[in-house]
Amino acid sequence: MLGQDMDAEALRELVRGKIMEIDERIAAMRSIQKLLAGLLQTPNEEVHDYLKSFHPADKE
């Protein structure tokens, strides 16, 4: 990746690319954080109803 013969502009371009990758990861993590924060605000009744939907119906 880095070589002794790398010029300053090539190094700058490499760093720009890495910064863009980091920015994209930060954006993805912020999106996940927003989703999780929203889930924490979900009323308990809705959570219980959602979890019940995975259980088979009781047979009489």
PDB file of N, CA and C in Angstrom:
ATOM      1  N   MET A   1       0.829  -1.179   0.000  1.00  0.00           N
ATOM      2  CA  MET A   1       0.000   0.000   0.000  1.00  0.00           C
ATOM      3  C   MET A   1       0.883   1.255   0.000  1.00  0.00           C
ATOM      4  N   LEU A   2       1.619   1.470   1.073  1.00  0.00           N
ATOM      5  CA  LEU A   2       2.529   2.608   1.106  1.00  0.00           C
ATOM      6  C   LEU A   2       3.898   2.154   0.636  1.00  0.00           C
ATOM      7  N   GLY A   3       4.473   2.935  -0.179  1.00  0.00           N
ATOM      8  CA  GLY A   3       5.805   2.623  -0.656  1.00  0.00           C
ATOM      9  C   GLY A   3       6.701   3.834  -0.512  1.00  0.00           C
ATOM     10  N   GLN A   4       7.977   3.587  -0.472  1.00  0.00           N
ATOM     11  CA  GLN A   4       8.917   4.691  -0.322  1.00  0.00           C
ATOM     12  C   GLN A   4       8.904   5.593  -1.550  1.00  0.00           C
ATOM     13  N   ASP A   5       8.491   5.035  -2.674  1.00  0.00           N
ATOM     14  CA  ASP A   5       8.487   5.828  -3.895  1.00  0.00           C
ATOM     15  C   ASP A   5       7.152   6.539  -4.139  1.00  0.00           C
ATOM     16  N   MET A   6       6.229   6.469  -3.159  1.00  0.00           N
ATOM     17  CA  MET A   6       4.930   7.110  -3.300  1.00  0.00           C
ATOM     18  C   MET A   6       5.108   8.626  -3.189  1.00  0.00           C
ATOM     19  N   ASP A   7       4.487   9.344  -4.099  1.00  0.00           N
ATOM     20  CA  ASP A   7       4.601  10.805  -4.036  1.00  0.00           C
ATOM     21  C   ASP A   7       3.534  11.384  -3.111  1.00  0.00           C
ATOM     22  N   ALA A   8       3.686  12.635  -2.766  1.00  0.00           N
ATOM     23  CA  ALA A   8       2.803  13.291  -1.810  1.00  0.00           C
ATOM     24  C   ALA A   8       1.354  13.303  -2.292  1.00  0.00           C
ATOM     25  N   GLU A   9       1.138  13.531  -3.568  1.00  0.00           N
ATOM     26  CA  GLU A   9      -0.238  13.591  -4.081  1.00  0.00           C
ATOM     27  C   GLU A   9      -0.913  12.222  -4.005  1.00  0.00           C
ATOM     28  N   ALA A  10      -0.179  11.168  -4.280  1.00  0.00           N
ATOM     29  CA  ALA A  10      -0.741   9.810  -4.178  1.00  0.00           C
ATOM     30  C   ALA A  10      -1.112   9.502  -2.737  1.00  0.00           C
ATOM     31  N   LEU A  11      -0.272   9.930  -1.810  1.00  0.00           N
ATOM     32  CA  LEU A  11      -0.567   9.728  -0.393  1.00  0.00           C
ATOM     33  C   LEU A  11      -1.811  10.510   0.017  1.00  0.00           C
ATOM     34  N   ARG A  12      -1.918  11.743  -0.440  1.00  0.00           N
ATOM     35  CA  ARG A  12      -3.100  12.554  -0.137  1.00  0.00           C
ATOM     36  C   ARG A  12      -4.373  11.896  -0.677  1.00  0.00           C
ATOM     37  N   GLU A  13      -4.296  11.366  -1.869  1.00  0.00           N
ATOM     38  CA  GLU A  13      -5.450  10.699  -2.475  1.00  0.00           C
ATOM     39  C   GLU A  13      -5.827   9.458  -1.668  1.00  0.00           C
ATOM     40  N   LEU A  14      -4.851   8.720  -1.213  1.00  0.00           N
ATOM     41  CA  LEU A  14      -5.095   7.544  -0.382  1.00  0.00           C
ATOM     42  C   LEU A  14      -5.795   7.950   0.916  1.00  0.00           C
ATOM     43  N   VAL A  15      -5.309   9.020   1.531  1.00  0.00           N
ATOM     44  CA  VAL A  15      -5.898   9.502   2.774  1.00  0.00           C
ATOM     45  C   VAL A  15      -7.329   9.996   2.532  1.00  0.00           C
ATOM     46  N   ARG A  16      -7.571  10.705   1.447  1.00  0.00           N
ATOM     47  CA  ARG A  16      -8.932  11.157   1.112  1.00  0.00           C
ATOM     48  C   ARG A  16      -9.888   9.960   0.996  1.00  0.00           C
ATOM     49  N   GLY A  17      -9.418   8.920   0.340  1.00  0.00           N
ATOM     50  CA  GLY A  17     -10.240   7.719   0.190  1.00  0.00           C
ATOM     51  C   GLY A  17     -10.570   7.083   1.526  1.00  0.00           C
ATOM     52  N   LYS A  18      -9.570   7.020   2.404  1.00  0.00           N
ATOM     53  CA  LYS A  18      -9.799   6.434   3.732  1.00  0.00           C
ATOM     54  C   LYS A  18     -10.764   7.289   4.544  1.00  0.00           C
ATOM     55  N   ILE A  19     -10.647   8.600   4.432  1.00  0.00           N
ATOM     56  CA  ILE A  19     -11.567   9.492   5.138  1.00  0.00           C
ATOM     57  C   ILE A  19     -12.991   9.278   4.634  1.00  0.00           C
ATOM     58  N   MET A  20     -13.156   9.127   3.336  1.00  0.00           N
ATOM     59  CA  MET A  20     -14.488   8.875   2.779  1.00  0.00           C
ATOM     60  C   MET A  20     -15.055   7.561   3.306  1.00  0.00           C
ATOM     61  N   GLU A  21     -14.221   6.526   3.385  1.00  0.00           N
ATOM     62  CA  GLU A  21     -14.673   5.238   3.929  1.00  0.00           C
ATOM     63  C   GLU A  21     -15.128   5.396   5.376  1.00  0.00           C
ATOM     64  N   ILE A  22     -14.360   6.125   6.160  1.00  0.00           N
ATOM     65  CA  ILE A  22     -14.710   6.341   7.563  1.00  0.00           C
ATOM     66  C   ILE A  22     -16.015   7.127   7.665  1.00  0.00           C
ATOM     67  N   ASP A  23     -16.173   8.165   6.854  1.00  0.00           N
ATOM     68  CA  ASP A  23     -17.411   8.952   6.860  1.00  0.00           C
ATOM     69  C   ASP A  23     -18.626   8.084   6.521  1.00  0.00           C
ATOM     70  N   GLU A  24     -18.468   7.186   5.561  1.00  0.00           N
ATOM     71  CA  GLU A  24     -19.569   6.286   5.194  1.00  0.00           C
ATOM     72  C   GLU A  24     -19.914   5.356   6.351  1.00  0.00           C
ATOM     73  N   ARG A  25     -18.912   4.853   7.037  1.00  0.00           N
ATOM     74  CA  ARG A  25     -19.168   3.972   8.193  1.00  0.00           C
ATOM     75  C   ARG A  25     -19.842   4.730   9.328  1.00  0.00           C
ATOM     76  N   ILE A  26     -19.396   5.969   9.557  1.00  0.00           N
ATOM     77  CA  ILE A  26     -20.017   6.794  10.593  1.00  0.00           C
ATOM     78  C   ILE A  26     -21.489   7.028  10.257  1.00  0.00           C
ATOM     79  N   ALA A  27     -21.787   7.332   9.006  1.00  0.00           N
ATOM     80  CA  ALA A  27     -23.180   7.554   8.593  1.00  0.00           C
ATOM     81  C   ALA A  27     -24.017   6.299   8.816  1.00  0.00           C
ATOM     82  N   ALA A  28     -23.460   5.149   8.492  1.00  0.00           N
ATOM     83  CA  ALA A  28     -24.189   3.895   8.699  1.00  0.00           C
ATOM     84  C   ALA A  28     -24.441   3.651  10.184  1.00  0.00           C
ATOM     85  N   MET A  29     -23.441   3.912  11.005  1.00  0.00           N
ATOM     86  CA  MET A  29     -23.597   3.706  12.442  1.00  0.00           C
ATOM     87  C   MET A  29     -24.613   4.687  13.028  1.00  0.00           C
ATOM     88  N   ARG A  30     -24.629   5.913  12.539  1.00  0.00           N
ATOM     89  CA  ARG A  30     -25.622   6.895  13.011  1.00  0.00           C
ATOM     90  C   ARG A  30     -27.030   6.455  12.638  1.00  0.00           C
ATOM     91  N   SER A  31     -27.168   5.875  11.464  1.00  0.00           N
ATOM     92  CA  SER A  31     -28.467   5.377  11.028  1.00  0.00           C
ATOM     93  C   SER A  31     -28.937   4.243  11.945  1.00  0.00           C
ATOM     94  N   ILE A  32     -28.031   3.346  12.275  1.00  0.00           N
ATOM     95  CA  ILE A  32     -28.360   2.238  13.182  1.00  0.00           C
ATOM     96  C   ILE A  32     -28.710   2.780  14.564  1.00  0.00           C
ATOM     97  N   GLN A  33     -27.936   3.764  15.028  1.00  0.00           N
ATOM     98  CA  GLN A  33     -28.193   4.365  16.330  1.00  0.00           C
ATOM     99  C   GLN A  33     -29.590   4.995  16.365  1.00  0.00           C
ATOM    100  N   LYS A  34     -29.965   5.680  15.306  1.00  0.00           N
ATOM    101  CA  LYS A  34     -31.291   6.311  15.235  1.00  0.00           C
ATOM    102  C   LYS A  34     -32.390   5.251  15.269  1.00  0.00           C
ATOM    103  N   LEU A  35     -32.195   4.161  14.535  1.00  0.00           N
ATOM    104  CA  LEU A  35     -33.159   3.073  14.528  1.00  0.00           C
ATOM    105  C   LEU A  35     -33.305   2.474  15.919  1.00  0.00           C
ATOM    106  N   LEU A  36     -32.195   2.202  16.577  1.00  0.00           N
ATOM    107  CA  LEU A  36     -32.243   1.606  17.908  1.00  0.00           C
ATOM    108  C   LEU A  36     -32.878   2.549  18.927  1.00  0.00           C
ATOM    109  N   ALA A  37     -32.581   3.839  18.818  1.00  0.00           N
ATOM    110  CA  ALA A  37     -33.192   4.804  19.727  1.00  0.00           C
ATOM    111  C   ALA A  37     -34.706   4.813  19.537  1.00  0.00           C
ATOM    112  N   GLY A  38     -35.150   4.696  18.302  1.00  0.00           N
ATOM    113  CA  GLY A  38     -36.576   4.621  18.033  1.00  0.00           C
ATOM    114  C   GLY A  38     -37.208   3.378  18.631  1.00  0.00           C
ATOM    115  N   LEU A  39     -36.489   2.282  18.572  1.00  0.00           N
ATOM    116  CA  LEU A  39     -37.013   1.040  19.151  1.00  0.00           C
ATOM    117  C   LEU A  39     -37.164   1.153  20.663  1.00  0.00           C
ATOM    118  N   LEU A  40     -36.269   1.883  21.305  1.00  0.00           N
ATOM    119  CA  LEU A  40     -36.375   2.069  22.751  1.00  0.00           C
ATOM    120  C   LEU A  40     -37.621   2.861  23.128  1.00  0.00           C
ATOM    121  N   GLN A  41     -38.151   3.642  22.207  1.00  0.00           N
ATOM    122  CA  GLN A  41     -39.339   4.449  22.481  1.00  0.00           C
ATOM    123  C   GLN A  41     -40.635   3.714  22.147  1.00  0.00           C
ATOM    124  N   THR A  42     -40.515   2.505  21.633  1.00  0.00           N
ATOM    125  CA  THR A  42     -41.698   1.725  21.286  1.00  0.00           C
ATOM    126  C   THR A  42     -42.411   1.295  22.571  1.00  0.00           C
ATOM    127  N   PRO A  43     -43.715   1.509  22.647  1.00  0.00           N
ATOM    128  CA  PRO A  43     -44.466   1.105  23.848  1.00  0.00           C
ATOM    129  C   PRO A  43     -44.352  -0.404  24.108  1.00  0.00           C
ATOM    130  N   ASN A  44     -44.337  -0.766  25.386  1.00  0.00           N
ATOM    131  CA  ASN A  44     -44.193  -2.171  25.778  1.00  0.00           C
ATOM    132  C   ASN A  44     -45.263  -3.061  25.150  1.00  0.00           C
ATOM    133  N   GLU A  45     -46.491  -2.560  25.073  1.00  0.00           N
ATOM    134  CA  GLU A  45     -47.578  -3.366  24.517  1.00  0.00           C
ATOM    135  C   GLU A  45     -47.279  -3.757  23.063  1.00  0.00           C
ATOM    136  N   GLU A  46     -46.757  -2.816  22.290  1.00  0.00           N
ATOM    137  CA  GLU A  46     -46.404  -3.128  20.901  1.00  0.00           C
ATOM    138  C   GLU A  46     -45.279  -4.159  20.827  1.00  0.00           C
ATOM    139  N   VAL A  47     -44.324  -4.049  21.731  1.00  0.00           N
ATOM    140  CA  VAL A  47     -43.221  -5.016  21.759  1.00  0.00           C
ATOM    141  C   VAL A  47     -43.752  -6.406  22.092  1.00  0.00           C
ATOM    142  N   HIS A  48     -44.631  -6.478  23.102  1.00  0.00           N
ATOM    143  CA  HIS A  48     -45.195  -7.776  23.483  1.00  0.00           C
ATOM    144  C   HIS A  48     -46.032  -8.370  22.350  1.00  0.00           C
ATOM    145  N   ASP A  49     -46.832  -7.549  21.682  1.00  0.00           N
ATOM    146  CA  ASP A  49     -47.625  -8.030  20.548  1.00  0.00           C
ATOM    147  C   ASP A  49     -46.721  -8.559  19.431  1.00  0.00           C
ATOM    148  N   TYR A  50     -45.645  -7.843  19.179  1.00  0.00           N
ATOM    149  CA  TYR A  50     -44.690  -8.273  18.149  1.00  0.00           C
ATOM    150  C   TYR A  50     -44.078  -9.621  18.523  1.00  0.00           C
ATOM    151  N   LEU A  51     -43.654  -9.757  19.770  1.00  0.00           N
ATOM    152  CA  LEU A  51     -43.036 -11.017  20.199  1.00  0.00           C
ATOM    153  C   LEU A  51     -44.042 -12.164  20.169  1.00  0.00           C
ATOM    154  N   LYS A  52     -45.292 -11.879  20.508  1.00  0.00           N
ATOM    155  CA  LYS A  52     -46.330 -12.912  20.470  1.00  0.00           C
ATOM    156  C   LYS A  52     -46.546 -13.435  19.053  1.00  0.00           C
ATOM    157  N   SER A  53     -46.306 -12.585  18.064  1.00  0.00           N
ATOM    158  CA  SER A  53     -46.545 -13.002  16.682  1.00  0.00           C
ATOM    159  C   SER A  53     -45.613 -14.143  16.252  1.00  0.00           C
ATOM    160  N   PHE A  54     -44.566 -14.388  17.016  1.00  0.00           N
ATOM    161  CA  PHE A  54     -43.651 -15.481  16.679  1.00  0.00           C
ATOM    162  C   PHE A  54     -44.028 -16.798  17.343  1.00  0.00           C
ATOM    163  N   HIS A  55     -44.983 -16.736  18.270  1.00  0.00           N
ATOM    164  CA  HIS A  55     -45.415 -17.956  18.946  1.00  0.00           C
ATOM    165  C   HIS A  55     -46.604 -18.558  18.203  1.00  0.00           C
ATOM    166  N   PRO A  56     -46.642 -19.880  18.110  1.00  0.00           N
ATOM    167  CA  PRO A  56     -47.797 -20.501  17.445  1.00  0.00           C
ATOM    168  C   PRO A  56     -49.062 -20.260  18.252  1.00  0.00           C
ATOM    169  N   ALA A  57     -50.178 -20.178  17.572  1.00  0.00           N
ATOM    170  CA  ALA A  57     -51.478 -19.972  18.228  1.00  0.00           C
ATOM    171  C   ALA A  57     -51.760 -21.146  19.152  1.00  0.00           C
ATOM    172  N   ASP A  58     -52.356 -20.843  20.292  1.00  0.00           N
ATOM    173  CA  ASP A  58     -52.718 -21.902  21.249  1.00  0.00           C
ATOM    174  C   ASP A  58     -53.800 -22.779  20.645  1.00  0.00           C
ATOM    175  N   LYS A  59     -53.607 -24.103  20.794  1.00  0.00           N
ATOM    176  CA  LYS A  59     -54.608 -25.049  20.303  1.00  0.00           C
ATOM    177  C   LYS A  59     -55.533 -25.411  21.435  1.00  0.00           C
ATOM    178  N   GLU A  60     -56.830 -25.390  21.151  1.00  0.00           N
ATOM    179  CA  GLU A  60     -57.817 -25.724  22.188  1.00  0.00           C
ATOM    180  C   GLU A  60     -58.262 -27.123  22.077  1.00  0.00           C
TER     181      GLU A  60
END
